[in-house]
Amino acid sequence: NSFPVMPPQMSVDAPFDKSVFLELALAATDELIKLAQVDSPLW
């Protein structure tokens, strides 16, 4: 790959509750699926 890998610019410390990422991902998946399937008047 001719594109160098980005150096890590943010870290996730051990005390950080990573379950927050799962909550955010589940909500985003729910929204994406609905955005992909619903037509007018949303699009």
PDB file of all heavy atoms in Angstrom:
ATOM      1  N   ASN A   1       0.838  -1.193   0.000  1.00  0.00           N
ATOM      2  CA  ASN A   1       0.000   0.000   0.000  1.00  0.00           C
ATOM      3  C   ASN A   1       0.876   1.246   0.000  1.00  0.00           C
ATOM      4  O   ASN A   1       1.711   1.446   0.868  1.00  0.00           O
ATOM      5  CB  ASN A   1      -0.895  -0.018   1.243  1.00  0.00           C
ATOM      6  CG  ASN A   1      -1.932   1.074   1.201  1.00  0.00           C
ATOM      7  OD1 ASN A   1      -1.942   1.880   0.290  1.00  0.00           O
ATOM      8  ND2 ASN A   1      -2.805   1.078   2.177  1.00  0.00           N
ATOM      9  N   SER A   2       0.682   2.104  -1.003  1.00  0.00           N
ATOM     10  CA  SER A   2       1.500   3.307  -1.090  1.00  0.00           C
ATOM     11  C   SER A   2       1.028   4.403  -0.155  1.00  0.00           C
ATOM     12  O   SER A   2       1.642   5.436  -0.061  1.00  0.00           O
ATOM     13  CB  SER A   2       1.492   3.835  -2.529  1.00  0.00           C
ATOM     14  OG  SER A   2       0.187   4.206  -2.904  1.00  0.00           O
ATOM     15  N   PHE A   3      -0.090   4.184   0.521  1.00  0.00           N
ATOM     16  CA  PHE A   3      -0.592   5.159   1.481  1.00  0.00           C
ATOM     17  C   PHE A   3      -0.081   4.782   2.867  1.00  0.00           C
ATOM     18  O   PHE A   3      -0.465   3.749   3.399  1.00  0.00           O
ATOM     19  CB  PHE A   3      -2.118   5.167   1.499  1.00  0.00           C
ATOM     20  CG  PHE A   3      -2.710   5.613   0.202  1.00  0.00           C
ATOM     21  CD1 PHE A   3      -3.056   4.699  -0.768  1.00  0.00           C
ATOM     22  CD2 PHE A   3      -2.913   6.953  -0.047  1.00  0.00           C
ATOM     23  CE1 PHE A   3      -3.598   5.116  -1.962  1.00  0.00           C
ATOM     24  CE2 PHE A   3      -3.465   7.379  -1.241  1.00  0.00           C
ATOM     25  CZ  PHE A   3      -3.793   6.450  -2.200  1.00  0.00           C
ATOM     26  N   PRO A   4       0.805   5.568   3.482  1.00  0.00           N
ATOM     27  CA  PRO A   4       1.291   5.226   4.819  1.00  0.00           C
ATOM     28  C   PRO A   4       0.145   5.173   5.816  1.00  0.00           C
ATOM     29  O   PRO A   4      -0.823   5.922   5.721  1.00  0.00           O
ATOM     30  CB  PRO A   4       2.255   6.375   5.140  1.00  0.00           C
ATOM     31  CG  PRO A   4       2.609   6.981   3.818  1.00  0.00           C
ATOM     32  CD  PRO A   4       1.406   6.786   2.949  1.00  0.00           C
ATOM     33  N   VAL A   5       0.280   4.278   6.771  1.00  0.00           N
ATOM     34  CA  VAL A   5      -0.742   4.156   7.809  1.00  0.00           C
ATOM     35  C   VAL A   5      -0.706   5.390   8.688  1.00  0.00           C
ATOM     36  O   VAL A   5       0.363   5.892   9.037  1.00  0.00           O
ATOM     37  CB  VAL A   5      -0.497   2.882   8.645  1.00  0.00           C
ATOM     38  CG1 VAL A   5      -1.467   2.811   9.809  1.00  0.00           C
ATOM     39  CG2 VAL A   5      -0.625   1.652   7.763  1.00  0.00           C
ATOM     40  N   MET A   6      -1.867   5.874   9.051  1.00  0.00           N
ATOM     41  CA  MET A   6      -1.942   7.056   9.909  1.00  0.00           C
ATOM     42  C   MET A   6      -1.394   6.727  11.294  1.00  0.00           C
ATOM     43  O   MET A   6      -1.724   5.692  11.860  1.00  0.00           O
ATOM     44  CB  MET A   6      -3.381   7.538  10.042  1.00  0.00           C
ATOM     45  CG  MET A   6      -3.970   8.101   8.773  1.00  0.00           C
ATOM     46  SD  MET A   6      -5.646   8.702   9.040  1.00  0.00           S
ATOM     47  CE  MET A   6      -5.334  10.106  10.109  1.00  0.00           C
ATOM     48  N   PRO A   7      -0.542   7.565  11.867  1.00  0.00           N
ATOM     49  CA  PRO A   7      -0.104   7.335  13.240  1.00  0.00           C
ATOM     50  C   PRO A   7      -1.268   7.514  14.193  1.00  0.00           C
ATOM     51  O   PRO A   7      -2.116   8.381  13.998  1.00  0.00           O
ATOM     52  CB  PRO A   7       0.958   8.427  13.457  1.00  0.00           C
ATOM     53  CG  PRO A   7       0.584   9.499  12.486  1.00  0.00           C
ATOM     54  CD  PRO A   7      -0.008   8.792  11.295  1.00  0.00           C
ATOM     55  N   PRO A   8      -1.338   6.671  15.232  1.00  0.00           N
ATOM     56  CA  PRO A   8      -2.451   6.823  16.193  1.00  0.00           C
ATOM     57  C   PRO A   8      -2.427   8.207  16.824  1.00  0.00           C
ATOM     58  O   PRO A   8      -1.430   8.639  17.369  1.00  0.00           O
ATOM     59  CB  PRO A   8      -2.170   5.732  17.231  1.00  0.00           C
ATOM     60  CG  PRO A   8      -1.297   4.742  16.521  1.00  0.00           C
ATOM     61  CD  PRO A   8      -0.472   5.551  15.559  1.00  0.00           C
ATOM     62  N   GLN A   9      -3.553   8.908  16.750  1.00  0.00           N
ATOM     63  CA  GLN A   9      -3.655  10.250  17.306  1.00  0.00           C
ATOM     64  C   GLN A   9      -4.614  10.320  18.476  1.00  0.00           C
ATOM     65  O   GLN A   9      -4.833  11.364  19.038  1.00  0.00           O
ATOM     66  CB  GLN A   9      -4.098  11.221  16.205  1.00  0.00           C
ATOM     67  CG  GLN A   9      -3.081  11.324  15.082  1.00  0.00           C
ATOM     68  CD  GLN A   9      -3.550  12.242  13.980  1.00  0.00           C
ATOM     69  OE1 GLN A   9      -4.639  12.787  14.038  1.00  0.00           O
ATOM     70  NE2 GLN A   9      -2.725  12.411  12.968  1.00  0.00           N
ATOM     71  N   MET A  10      -5.244   9.191  18.794  1.00  0.00           N
ATOM     72  CA  MET A  10      -6.086   9.165  19.988  1.00  0.00           C
ATOM     73  C   MET A  10      -5.982   7.775  20.571  1.00  0.00           C
ATOM     74  O   MET A  10      -5.826   6.786  19.861  1.00  0.00           O
ATOM     75  CB  MET A  10      -7.528   9.520  19.658  1.00  0.00           C
ATOM     76  CG  MET A  10      -8.281   8.483  18.852  1.00  0.00           C
ATOM     77  SD  MET A  10      -9.997   8.938  18.679  1.00  0.00           S
ATOM     78  CE  MET A  10     -10.580   7.582  17.672  1.00  0.00           C
ATOM     79  N   SER A  11      -6.028   7.672  21.847  1.00  0.00           N
ATOM     80  CA  SER A  11      -5.903   6.389  22.511  1.00  0.00           C
ATOM     81  C   SER A  11      -7.135   6.130  23.356  1.00  0.00           C
ATOM     82  O   SER A  11      -7.793   7.048  23.820  1.00  0.00           O
ATOM     83  CB  SER A  11      -4.651   6.361  23.402  1.00  0.00           C
ATOM     84  OG  SER A  11      -4.755   7.371  24.392  1.00  0.00           O
ATOM     85  N   VAL A  12      -7.448   4.851  23.528  1.00  0.00           N
ATOM     86  CA  VAL A  12      -8.565   4.456  24.376  1.00  0.00           C
ATOM     87  C   VAL A  12      -7.972   3.858  25.644  1.00  0.00           C
ATOM     88  O   VAL A  12      -7.442   2.763  25.632  1.00  0.00           O
ATOM     89  CB  VAL A  12      -9.453   3.422  23.661  1.00  0.00           C
ATOM     90  CG1 VAL A  12     -10.631   3.074  24.540  1.00  0.00           C
ATOM     91  CG2 VAL A  12      -9.923   3.974  22.333  1.00  0.00           C
ATOM     92  N   ASP A  13      -7.981   4.618  26.709  1.00  0.00           N
ATOM     93  CA  ASP A  13      -7.395   4.155  27.954  1.00  0.00           C
ATOM     94  C   ASP A  13      -8.211   3.011  28.530  1.00  0.00           C
ATOM     95  O   ASP A  13      -9.398   2.856  28.269  1.00  0.00           O
ATOM     96  CB  ASP A  13      -7.327   5.299  28.969  1.00  0.00           C
ATOM     97  CG  ASP A  13      -6.463   6.447  28.452  1.00  0.00           C
ATOM     98  OD1 ASP A  13      -5.511   6.147  27.712  1.00  0.00           O
ATOM     99  OD2 ASP A  13      -6.756   7.608  28.784  1.00  0.00           O
ATOM    100  N   ALA A  14      -7.566   2.200  29.348  1.00  0.00           N
ATOM    101  CA  ALA A  14      -8.220   1.030  29.930  1.00  0.00           C
ATOM    102  C   ALA A  14      -9.469   1.375  30.729  1.00  0.00           C
ATOM    103  O   ALA A  14     -10.470   0.677  30.624  1.00  0.00           O
ATOM    104  CB  ALA A  14      -7.219   0.272  30.801  1.00  0.00           C
ATOM    105  N   PRO A  15      -9.486   2.440  31.531  1.00  0.00           N
ATOM    106  CA  PRO A  15     -10.701   2.731  32.300  1.00  0.00           C
ATOM    107  C   PRO A  15     -11.899   3.126  31.440  1.00  0.00           C
ATOM    108  O   PRO A  15     -13.019   3.131  31.923  1.00  0.00           O
ATOM    109  CB  PRO A  15     -10.263   3.901  33.205  1.00  0.00           C
ATOM    110  CG  PRO A  15      -8.784   3.845  33.230  1.00  0.00           C
ATOM    111  CD  PRO A  15      -8.386   3.338  31.891  1.00  0.00           C
ATOM    112  N   PHE A  16     -11.665   3.478  30.173  1.00  0.00           N
ATOM    113  CA  PHE A  16     -12.780   3.928  29.328  1.00  0.00           C
ATOM    114  C   PHE A  16     -13.703   2.749  29.045  1.00  0.00           C
ATOM    115  O   PHE A  16     -13.263   1.667  28.671  1.00  0.00           O
ATOM    116  CB  PHE A  16     -12.233   4.507  28.031  1.00  0.00           C
ATOM    117  CG  PHE A  16     -13.283   5.211  27.220  1.00  0.00           C
ATOM    118  CD1 PHE A  16     -13.583   6.540  27.453  1.00  0.00           C
ATOM    119  CD2 PHE A  16     -13.978   4.539  26.232  1.00  0.00           C
ATOM    120  CE1 PHE A  16     -14.541   7.188  26.712  1.00  0.00           C
ATOM    121  CE2 PHE A  16     -14.936   5.171  25.491  1.00  0.00           C
ATOM    122  CZ  PHE A  16     -15.214   6.508  25.728  1.00  0.00           C
ATOM    123  N   ASP A  17     -15.003   2.978  29.213  1.00  0.00           N
ATOM    124  CA  ASP A  17     -15.996   1.934  29.011  1.00  0.00           C
ATOM    125  C   ASP A  17     -16.262   1.779  27.514  1.00  0.00           C
ATOM    126  O   ASP A  17     -16.947   2.585  26.896  1.00  0.00           O
ATOM    127  CB  ASP A  17     -17.292   2.306  29.744  1.00  0.00           C
ATOM    128  CG  ASP A  17     -18.296   1.162  29.710  1.00  0.00           C
ATOM    129  OD1 ASP A  17     -17.973   0.111  29.122  1.00  0.00           O
ATOM    130  OD2 ASP A  17     -19.386   1.324  30.274  1.00  0.00           O
ATOM    131  N   LYS A  18     -15.706   0.717  26.941  1.00  0.00           N
ATOM    132  CA  LYS A  18     -15.846   0.518  25.500  1.00  0.00           C
ATOM    133  C   LYS A  18     -17.246   0.092  25.104  1.00  0.00           C
ATOM    134  O   LYS A  18     -17.565   0.065  23.918  1.00  0.00           O
ATOM    135  CB  LYS A  18     -14.826  -0.520  25.016  1.00  0.00           C
ATOM    136  CG  LYS A  18     -13.383  -0.065  25.168  1.00  0.00           C
ATOM    137  CD  LYS A  18     -12.411  -1.089  24.607  1.00  0.00           C
ATOM    138  CE  LYS A  18     -10.969  -0.626  24.793  1.00  0.00           C
ATOM    139  NZ  LYS A  18     -10.001  -1.605  24.247  1.00  0.00           N
ATOM    140  N   SER A  19     -18.071  -0.258  26.066  1.00  0.00           N
ATOM    141  CA  SER A  19     -19.451  -0.601  25.727  1.00  0.00           C
ATOM    142  C   SER A  19     -20.186   0.591  25.142  1.00  0.00           C
ATOM    143  O   SER A  19     -21.191   0.430  24.441  1.00  0.00           O
ATOM    144  CB  SER A  19     -20.189  -1.109  26.967  1.00  0.00           C
ATOM    145  OG  SER A  19     -20.304  -0.087  27.946  1.00  0.00           O
ATOM    146  N   VAL A  20     -19.677   1.810  25.418  1.00  0.00           N
ATOM    147  CA  VAL A  20     -20.282   3.002  24.833  1.00  0.00           C
ATOM    148  C   VAL A  20     -20.186   2.940  23.307  1.00  0.00           C
ATOM    149  O   VAL A  20     -21.099   3.357  22.593  1.00  0.00           O
ATOM    150  CB  VAL A  20     -19.591   4.269  25.375  1.00  0.00           C
ATOM    151  CG1 VAL A  20     -20.128   5.516  24.690  1.00  0.00           C
ATOM    152  CG2 VAL A  20     -19.784   4.371  26.876  1.00  0.00           C
ATOM    153  N   PHE A  21     -19.069   2.396  22.795  1.00  0.00           N
ATOM    154  CA  PHE A  21     -18.922   2.253  21.350  1.00  0.00           C
ATOM    155  C   PHE A  21     -19.975   1.302  20.793  1.00  0.00           C
ATOM    156  O   PHE A  21     -20.507   1.519  19.699  1.00  0.00           O
ATOM    157  CB  PHE A  21     -17.525   1.736  21.003  1.00  0.00           C
ATOM    158  CG  PHE A  21     -16.421   2.709  21.300  1.00  0.00           C
ATOM    159  CD1 PHE A  21     -15.302   2.314  22.015  1.00  0.00           C
ATOM    160  CD2 PHE A  21     -16.497   4.023  20.867  1.00  0.00           C
ATOM    161  CE1 PHE A  21     -14.286   3.206  22.291  1.00  0.00           C
ATOM    162  CE2 PHE A  21     -15.484   4.920  21.136  1.00  0.00           C
ATOM    163  CZ  PHE A  21     -14.376   4.517  21.848  1.00  0.00           C
ATOM    164  N   LEU A  22     -20.253   0.227  21.532  1.00  0.00           N
ATOM    165  CA  LEU A  22     -21.261  -0.730  21.077  1.00  0.00           C
ATOM    166  C   LEU A  22     -22.641  -0.078  21.041  1.00  0.00           C
ATOM    167  O   LEU A  22     -23.404  -0.278  20.088  1.00  0.00           O
ATOM    168  CB  LEU A  22     -21.272  -1.956  21.997  1.00  0.00           C
ATOM    169  CG  LEU A  22     -22.322  -3.018  21.673  1.00  0.00           C
ATOM    170  CD1 LEU A  22     -22.120  -3.567  20.273  1.00  0.00           C
ATOM    171  CD2 LEU A  22     -22.278  -4.157  22.699  1.00  0.00           C
ATOM    172  N   GLU A  23     -22.972   0.686  22.065  1.00  0.00           N
ATOM    173  CA  GLU A  23     -24.258   1.389  22.073  1.00  0.00           C
ATOM    174  C   GLU A  23     -24.374   2.312  20.861  1.00  0.00           C
ATOM    175  O   GLU A  23     -25.394   2.329  20.162  1.00  0.00           O
ATOM    176  CB  GLU A  23     -24.389   2.209  23.364  1.00  0.00           C
ATOM    177  CG  GLU A  23     -24.419   1.387  24.631  1.00  0.00           C
ATOM    178  CD  GLU A  23     -24.547   2.276  25.864  1.00  0.00           C
ATOM    179  OE1 GLU A  23     -25.259   3.291  25.778  1.00  0.00           O
ATOM    180  OE2 GLU A  23     -23.940   1.962  26.889  1.00  0.00           O
ATOM    181  N   LEU A  24     -23.317   3.072  20.602  1.00  0.00           N
ATOM    182  CA  LEU A  24     -23.326   3.994  19.473  1.00  0.00           C
ATOM    183  C   LEU A  24     -23.443   3.242  18.153  1.00  0.00           C
ATOM    184  O   LEU A  24     -24.186   3.646  17.252  1.00  0.00           O
ATOM    185  CB  LEU A  24     -22.060   4.845  19.498  1.00  0.00           C
ATOM    186  CG  LEU A  24     -21.919   5.918  18.409  1.00  0.00           C
ATOM    187  CD1 LEU A  24     -23.048   6.926  18.502  1.00  0.00           C
ATOM    188  CD2 LEU A  24     -20.567   6.611  18.532  1.00  0.00           C
ATOM    189  N   ALA A  25     -22.728   2.120  18.029  1.00  0.00           N
ATOM    190  CA  ALA A  25     -22.756   1.345  16.786  1.00  0.00           C
ATOM    191  C   ALA A  25     -24.126   0.728  16.537  1.00  0.00           C
ATOM    192  O   ALA A  25     -24.608   0.693  15.398  1.00  0.00           O
ATOM    193  CB  ALA A  25     -21.686   0.255  16.831  1.00  0.00           C
ATOM    194  N   LEU A  26     -24.777   0.228  17.577  1.00  0.00           N
ATOM    195  CA  LEU A  26     -26.111  -0.357  17.422  1.00  0.00           C
ATOM    196  C   LEU A  26     -27.122   0.698  16.986  1.00  0.00           C
ATOM    197  O   LEU A  26     -27.969   0.455  16.110  1.00  0.00           O
ATOM    198  CB  LEU A  26     -26.558  -1.009  18.734  1.00  0.00           C
ATOM    199  CG  LEU A  26     -25.817  -2.276  19.160  1.00  0.00           C
ATOM    200  CD1 LEU A  26     -26.262  -2.711  20.545  1.00  0.00           C
ATOM    201  CD2 LEU A  26     -26.031  -3.399  18.161  1.00  0.00           C
ATOM    202  N   ALA A  27     -27.032   1.874  17.578  1.00  0.00           N
ATOM    203  CA  ALA A  27     -27.948   2.946  17.184  1.00  0.00           C
ATOM    204  C   ALA A  27     -27.698   3.371  15.744  1.00  0.00           C
ATOM    205  O   ALA A  27     -28.635   3.600  14.974  1.00  0.00           O
ATOM    206  CB  ALA A  27     -27.787   4.138  18.125  1.00  0.00           C
ATOM    207  N   ALA A  28     -26.421   3.469  15.366  1.00  0.00           N
ATOM    208  CA  ALA A  28     -26.083   3.873  13.997  1.00  0.00           C
ATOM    209  C   ALA A  28     -26.544   2.826  12.987  1.00  0.00           C
ATOM    210  O   ALA A  28     -27.005   3.167  11.893  1.00  0.00           O
ATOM    211  CB  ALA A  28     -24.571   4.095  13.880  1.00  0.00           C
ATOM    212  N   THR A  29     -26.438   1.544  13.338  1.00  0.00           N
ATOM    213  CA  THR A  29     -26.891   0.483  12.434  1.00  0.00           C
ATOM    214  C   THR A  29     -28.389   0.553  12.234  1.00  0.00           C
ATOM    215  O   THR A  29     -28.896   0.416  11.109  1.00  0.00           O
ATOM    216  CB  THR A  29     -26.504  -0.895  12.999  1.00  0.00           C
ATOM    217  OG1 THR A  29     -25.097  -0.934  13.237  1.00  0.00           O
ATOM    218  CG2 THR A  29     -26.867  -2.000  12.029  1.00  0.00           C
ATOM    219  N   ASP A  30     -29.107   0.762  13.310  1.00  0.00           N
ATOM    220  CA  ASP A  30     -30.559   0.900  13.224  1.00  0.00           C
ATOM    221  C   ASP A  30     -30.931   2.039  12.282  1.00  0.00           C
ATOM    222  O   ASP A  30     -31.798   1.902  11.403  1.00  0.00           O
ATOM    223  CB  ASP A  30     -31.105   1.154  14.635  1.00  0.00           C
ATOM    224  CG  ASP A  30     -32.622   1.316  14.646  1.00  0.00           C
ATOM    225  OD1 ASP A  30     -33.277   0.815  13.723  1.00  0.00           O
ATOM    226  OD2 ASP A  30     -33.136   1.937  15.589  1.00  0.00           O
ATOM    227  N   GLU A  31     -30.259   3.168  12.430  1.00  0.00           N
ATOM    228  CA  GLU A  31     -30.564   4.328  11.591  1.00  0.00           C
ATOM    229  C   GLU A  31     -30.187   4.071  10.138  1.00  0.00           C
ATOM    230  O   GLU A  31     -30.940   4.420   9.214  1.00  0.00           O
ATOM    231  CB  GLU A  31     -29.827   5.547  12.122  1.00  0.00           C
ATOM    232  CG  GLU A  31     -30.112   6.818  11.339  1.00  0.00           C
ATOM    233  CD  GLU A  31     -29.525   8.057  12.002  1.00  0.00           C
ATOM    234  OE1 GLU A  31     -29.632   8.181  13.238  1.00  0.00           O
ATOM    235  OE2 GLU A  31     -28.965   8.899  11.272  1.00  0.00           O
ATOM    236  N   LEU A  32     -29.019   3.462   9.906  1.00  0.00           N
ATOM    237  CA  LEU A  32     -28.578   3.208   8.532  1.00  0.00           C
ATOM    238  C   LEU A  32     -29.543   2.291   7.791  1.00  0.00           C
ATOM    239  O   LEU A  32     -29.888   2.539   6.627  1.00  0.00           O
ATOM    240  CB  LEU A  32     -27.173   2.599   8.536  1.00  0.00           C
ATOM    241  CG  LEU A  32     -26.627   2.211   7.162  1.00  0.00           C
ATOM    242  CD1 LEU A  32     -26.334   3.455   6.329  1.00  0.00           C
ATOM    243  CD2 LEU A  32     -25.381   1.350   7.284  1.00  0.00           C
ATOM    244  N   ILE A  33     -29.997   1.230   8.451  1.00  0.00           N
ATOM    245  CA  ILE A  33     -30.904   0.287   7.802  1.00  0.00           C
ATOM    246  C   ILE A  33     -32.205   0.984   7.422  1.00  0.00           C
ATOM    247  O   ILE A  33     -32.745   0.780   6.323  1.00  0.00           O
ATOM    248  CB  ILE A  33     -31.169  -0.920   8.722  1.00  0.00           C
ATOM    249  CG1 ILE A  33     -29.892  -1.746   8.879  1.00  0.00           C
ATOM    250  CG2 ILE A  33     -32.286  -1.792   8.172  1.00  0.00           C
ATOM    251  CD1 ILE A  33     -30.011  -2.882   9.867  1.00  0.00           C
ATOM    252  N   LYS A  34     -32.695   1.809   8.312  1.00  0.00           N
ATOM    253  CA  LYS A  34     -33.938   2.509   7.999  1.00  0.00           C
ATOM    254  C   LYS A  34     -33.731   3.525   6.885  1.00  0.00           C
ATOM    255  O   LYS A  34     -34.575   3.668   5.992  1.00  0.00           O
ATOM    256  CB  LYS A  34     -34.489   3.192   9.249  1.00  0.00           C
ATOM    257  CG  LYS A  34     -35.916   3.685   9.069  1.00  0.00           C
ATOM    258  CD  LYS A  34     -36.575   4.003  10.390  1.00  0.00           C
ATOM    259  CE  LYS A  34     -38.059   4.315  10.209  1.00  0.00           C
ATOM    260  NZ  LYS A  34     -38.743   4.605  11.466  1.00  0.00           N
ATOM    261  N   LEU A  35     -32.609   4.241   6.903  1.00  0.00           N
ATOM    262  CA  LEU A  35     -32.314   5.189   5.838  1.00  0.00           C
ATOM    263  C   LEU A  35     -32.180   4.499   4.490  1.00  0.00           C
ATOM    264  O   LEU A  35     -32.516   5.070   3.444  1.00  0.00           O
ATOM    265  CB  LEU A  35     -31.018   5.959   6.150  1.00  0.00           C
ATOM    266  CG  LEU A  35     -31.094   7.016   7.247  1.00  0.00           C
ATOM    267  CD1 LEU A  35     -29.702   7.567   7.541  1.00  0.00           C
ATOM    268  CD2 LEU A  35     -32.030   8.150   6.855  1.00  0.00           C
ATOM    269  N   ALA A  36     -31.675   3.262   4.493  1.00  0.00           N
ATOM    270  CA  ALA A  36     -31.506   2.533   3.243  1.00  0.00           C
ATOM    271  C   ALA A  36     -32.825   1.995   2.702  1.00  0.00           C
ATOM    272  O   ALA A  36     -32.973   1.810   1.489  1.00  0.00           O
ATOM    273  CB  ALA A  36     -30.523   1.380   3.443  1.00  0.00           C
ATOM    274  N   GLN A  37     -33.800   1.735   3.563  1.00  0.00           N
ATOM    275  CA  GLN A  37     -35.029   1.074   3.138  1.00  0.00           C
ATOM    276  C   GLN A  37     -36.200   2.027   2.924  1.00  0.00           C
ATOM    277  O   GLN A  37     -37.067   1.760   2.104  1.00  0.00           O
ATOM    278  CB  GLN A  37     -35.423   0.011   4.177  1.00  0.00           C
ATOM    279  CG  GLN A  37     -34.438  -1.146   4.254  1.00  0.00           C
ATOM    280  CD  GLN A  37     -34.867  -2.200   5.254  1.00  0.00           C
ATOM    281  OE1 GLN A  37     -35.770  -1.967   6.058  1.00  0.00           O
ATOM    282  NE2 GLN A  37     -34.217  -3.347   5.218  1.00  0.00           N
ATOM    283  N   VAL A  38     -36.242   3.148   3.658  1.00  0.00           N
ATOM    284  CA  VAL A  38     -37.377   4.063   3.571  1.00  0.00           C
ATOM    285  C   VAL A  38     -37.156   5.052   2.431  1.00  0.00           C
ATOM    286  O   VAL A  38     -36.048   5.562   2.245  1.00  0.00           O
ATOM    287  CB  VAL A  38     -37.576   4.810   4.906  1.00  0.00           C
ATOM    288  CG1 VAL A  38     -38.704   5.826   4.792  1.00  0.00           C
ATOM    289  CG2 VAL A  38     -37.860   3.815   6.023  1.00  0.00           C
ATOM    290  N   ASP A  39     -38.202   5.327   1.659  1.00  0.00           N
ATOM    291  CA  ASP A  39     -38.105   6.275   0.550  1.00  0.00           C
ATOM    292  C   ASP A  39     -38.756   7.604   0.941  1.00  0.00           C
ATOM    293  O   ASP A  39     -38.442   8.170   1.964  1.00  0.00           O
ATOM    294  CB  ASP A  39     -38.751   5.678  -0.703  1.00  0.00           C
ATOM    295  CG  ASP A  39     -37.990   4.456  -1.200  1.00  0.00           C
ATOM    296  OD1 ASP A  39     -36.752   4.472  -1.122  1.00  0.00           O
ATOM    297  OD2 ASP A  39     -38.625   3.489  -1.662  1.00  0.00           O
ATOM    298  N   SER A  40     -39.692   8.071   0.145  1.00  0.00           N
ATOM    299  CA  SER A  40     -40.377   9.330   0.428  1.00  0.00           C
ATOM    300  C   SER A  40     -41.215   9.201   1.707  1.00  0.00           C
ATOM    301  O   SER A  40     -41.765   8.127   1.979  1.00  0.00           O
ATOM    302  CB  SER A  40     -41.278   9.683  -0.762  1.00  0.00           C
ATOM    303  OG  SER A  40     -41.962  10.876  -0.539  1.00  0.00           O
ATOM    304  N   PRO A  41     -41.274  10.227   2.538  1.00  0.00           N
ATOM    305  CA  PRO A  41     -40.734  11.587   2.348  1.00  0.00           C
ATOM    306  C   PRO A  41     -39.328  11.784   2.898  1.00  0.00           C
ATOM    307  O   PRO A  41     -38.837  12.903   2.919  1.00  0.00           O
ATOM    308  CB  PRO A  41     -41.735  12.444   3.116  1.00  0.00           C
ATOM    309  CG  PRO A  41     -42.124  11.577   4.272  1.00  0.00           C
ATOM    310  CD  PRO A  41     -42.146  10.160   3.744  1.00  0.00           C
ATOM    311  N   LEU A  42     -38.693  10.705   3.358  1.00  0.00           N
ATOM    312  CA  LEU A  42     -37.370  10.846   3.961  1.00  0.00           C
ATOM    313  C   LEU A  42     -36.322  11.195   2.902  1.00  0.00           C
ATOM    314  O   LEU A  42     -35.367  11.912   3.183  1.00  0.00           O
ATOM    315  CB  LEU A  42     -36.980   9.548   4.679  1.00  0.00           C
ATOM    316  CG  LEU A  42     -35.869   9.627   5.717  1.00  0.00           C
ATOM    317  CD1 LEU A  42     -36.179  10.651   6.788  1.00  0.00           C
ATOM    318  CD2 LEU A  42     -35.625   8.254   6.343  1.00  0.00           C
ATOM    319  N   TRP A  43     -36.496  10.670   1.684  1.00  0.00           N
ATOM    320  CA  TRP A  43     -35.567  10.948   0.597  1.00  0.00           C
ATOM    321  C   TRP A  43     -36.318  11.609  -0.560  1.00  0.00           C
ATOM    322  O   TRP A  43     -37.457  11.242  -0.855  1.00  0.00           O
ATOM    323  CB  TRP A  43     -34.901   9.663   0.096  1.00  0.00           C
ATOM    324  CG  TRP A  43     -33.971   9.053   1.088  1.00  0.00           C
ATOM    325  CD1 TRP A  43     -34.255   8.051   1.968  1.00  0.00           C
ATOM    326  CD2 TRP A  43     -32.609   9.394   1.320  1.00  0.00           C
ATOM    327  NE1 TRP A  43     -33.161   7.748   2.729  1.00  0.00           N
ATOM    328  CE2 TRP A  43     -32.125   8.561   2.350  1.00  0.00           C
ATOM    329  CE3 TRP A  43     -31.735  10.326   0.757  1.00  0.00           C
ATOM    330  CZ2 TRP A  43     -30.826   8.633   2.824  1.00  0.00           C
ATOM    331  CZ3 TRP A  43     -30.437  10.394   1.229  1.00  0.00           C
ATOM    332  CH2 TRP A  43     -29.992   9.558   2.252  1.00  0.00           C
TER     333      TRP A  43
END
